[in-house]
C-alpha cells in the first residue's frame, strides 16, 4: 500500500520507542471494532445488508491468525500486559 503522505519521522521514532503502547492500542482497537460490529448485529437483526458483512467482520476479527490475534500473541510473547483502563491514543 502506498500512502499519499509521508509518515512523520517523529511519529516513527515515538512508535519505535513506545511499541508496547502502540501494540496494546492496536489490540484494543481490533477488539472495539468487533464489539461495535456485535452491537450493531443485535441492534439491526433484520437488516441482512448490514448483518452479513458485520458477522463476517466479527468472525475475522476474533479468529486465529488475524490482526487481533497476532497483536495478542505478540503481546504475550513480549510480556505486554493487556492493561485495563489504559488512557492513551485510542481512548
Protein backbone atom coordinates (compact mmCIF):
# COMPACT_ATOMS: atom_id res chain seq x y z
CA UNK A 1 0.00 0.00 0.00
CA UNK A 2 1.37 3.38 -0.95
CA UNK A 3 0.49 6.21 1.38
CA UNK A 4 -0.48 9.60 -0.02
CA UNK A 5 1.63 11.40 2.58
CA UNK A 6 4.93 10.56 4.17
CA UNK A 7 4.92 9.36 7.76
CA UNK A 8 6.47 11.94 10.05
CA UNK A 9 9.85 10.83 11.33
CA UNK A 10 8.88 11.97 14.85
CA UNK A 11 5.92 9.56 14.75
CA UNK A 12 8.15 6.68 13.64
CA UNK A 13 10.66 7.48 16.39
CA UNK A 14 7.94 7.62 19.03
CA UNK A 15 6.33 4.41 17.73
CA UNK A 16 9.67 2.61 17.93
CA UNK A 17 10.24 3.81 21.49
CA UNK A 18 6.65 3.19 22.60
CA UNK A 19 5.98 -0.01 20.65
CA UNK A 20 4.37 -1.70 23.64
CA UNK A 21 1.79 1.08 23.92
CA UNK A 22 1.24 1.02 20.16
CA UNK A 23 0.74 -2.75 20.19
CA UNK A 24 -1.70 -2.56 23.10
CA UNK A 25 -3.59 0.27 21.41
CA UNK A 26 -3.84 -1.74 18.19
CA UNK A 27 -5.16 -4.80 20.01
CA UNK A 28 -7.73 -2.65 21.82
CA UNK A 29 -8.87 -1.07 18.54
CA UNK A 30 -9.37 -4.52 16.99
CA UNK A 31 -11.45 -5.61 19.98
CA UNK A 32 -13.52 -2.41 19.85
CA UNK A 33 -14.24 -2.98 16.16
CA UNK A 34 -15.53 -6.49 16.88
CA UNK A 35 -17.56 -5.24 19.85
CA UNK A 36 -19.17 -2.50 17.77
CA UNK A 37 -19.97 -4.96 14.99
CA UNK A 38 -21.68 -7.28 17.50
CA UNK A 39 -23.68 -4.40 18.99
CA UNK A 40 -24.88 -3.40 15.51
CA UNK A 41 -25.81 -7.02 14.75
CA UNK A 42 -28.13 -7.01 17.76
CA UNK A 43 -29.44 -3.51 17.06
CA UNK A 44 -30.41 -4.28 13.44
CA UNK A 45 -31.05 -8.05 13.26
CA UNK A 46 -33.40 -7.84 10.26
CA UNK A 47 -31.09 -5.82 8.01
CA UNK A 48 -29.29 -8.53 6.00
CA UNK A 49 -27.30 -5.96 4.01
CA UNK A 50 -25.77 -4.89 7.32
CA UNK A 51 -25.69 -8.10 9.37
CA UNK A 52 -23.93 -10.25 6.77
CA UNK A 53 -20.79 -8.08 6.44
CA UNK A 54 -20.77 -7.32 10.18
CA UNK A 55 -20.96 -11.01 11.00
CA UNK A 56 -18.07 -11.71 8.65
CA UNK A 57 -16.02 -8.87 10.16
CA UNK A 58 -16.64 -10.14 13.69
CA UNK A 59 -15.60 -13.69 12.81
CA UNK A 60 -12.46 -12.45 11.05
CA UNK A 61 -11.54 -10.24 13.99
CA UNK A 62 -11.74 -12.97 16.62
CA UNK A 63 -10.46 -15.89 14.51
CA UNK A 64 -6.94 -17.26 14.66
CA UNK A 65 -4.27 -15.60 12.53
CA UNK A 66 -5.96 -12.23 12.23
CA UNK A 67 -4.59 -8.79 13.15
CA UNK A 68 -6.24 -9.03 16.58
CA UNK A 69 -4.92 -12.49 17.36
CA UNK A 70 -1.44 -11.61 16.07
CA UNK A 71 -1.39 -8.48 18.23
CA UNK A 72 -2.45 -10.52 21.28
CA UNK A 73 0.18 -13.17 20.51
CA UNK A 74 2.89 -10.52 20.16
CA UNK A 75 1.79 -9.01 23.46
CA UNK A 76 2.06 -12.38 25.20
CA UNK A 77 5.44 -13.15 23.62
CA UNK A 78 6.86 -9.77 24.64
CA UNK A 79 5.33 -9.55 28.10
CA UNK A 80 2.95 -6.69 27.28
CA UNK A 81 0.06 -6.83 29.74
CA UNK A 82 -3.48 -6.28 28.42
CA UNK A 83 -3.90 -3.28 30.72
CA UNK A 84 -7.43 -2.41 31.69
CA UNK A 85 -8.25 1.27 32.00
CA UNK A 86 -5.38 2.38 29.78
CA UNK A 87 -5.52 6.02 28.84
CA UNK A 88 -3.88 6.67 25.56
CA UNK A 89 -4.24 7.09 21.81
CA UNK A 90 -7.43 5.12 21.18
CA UNK A 91 -9.30 6.27 24.26
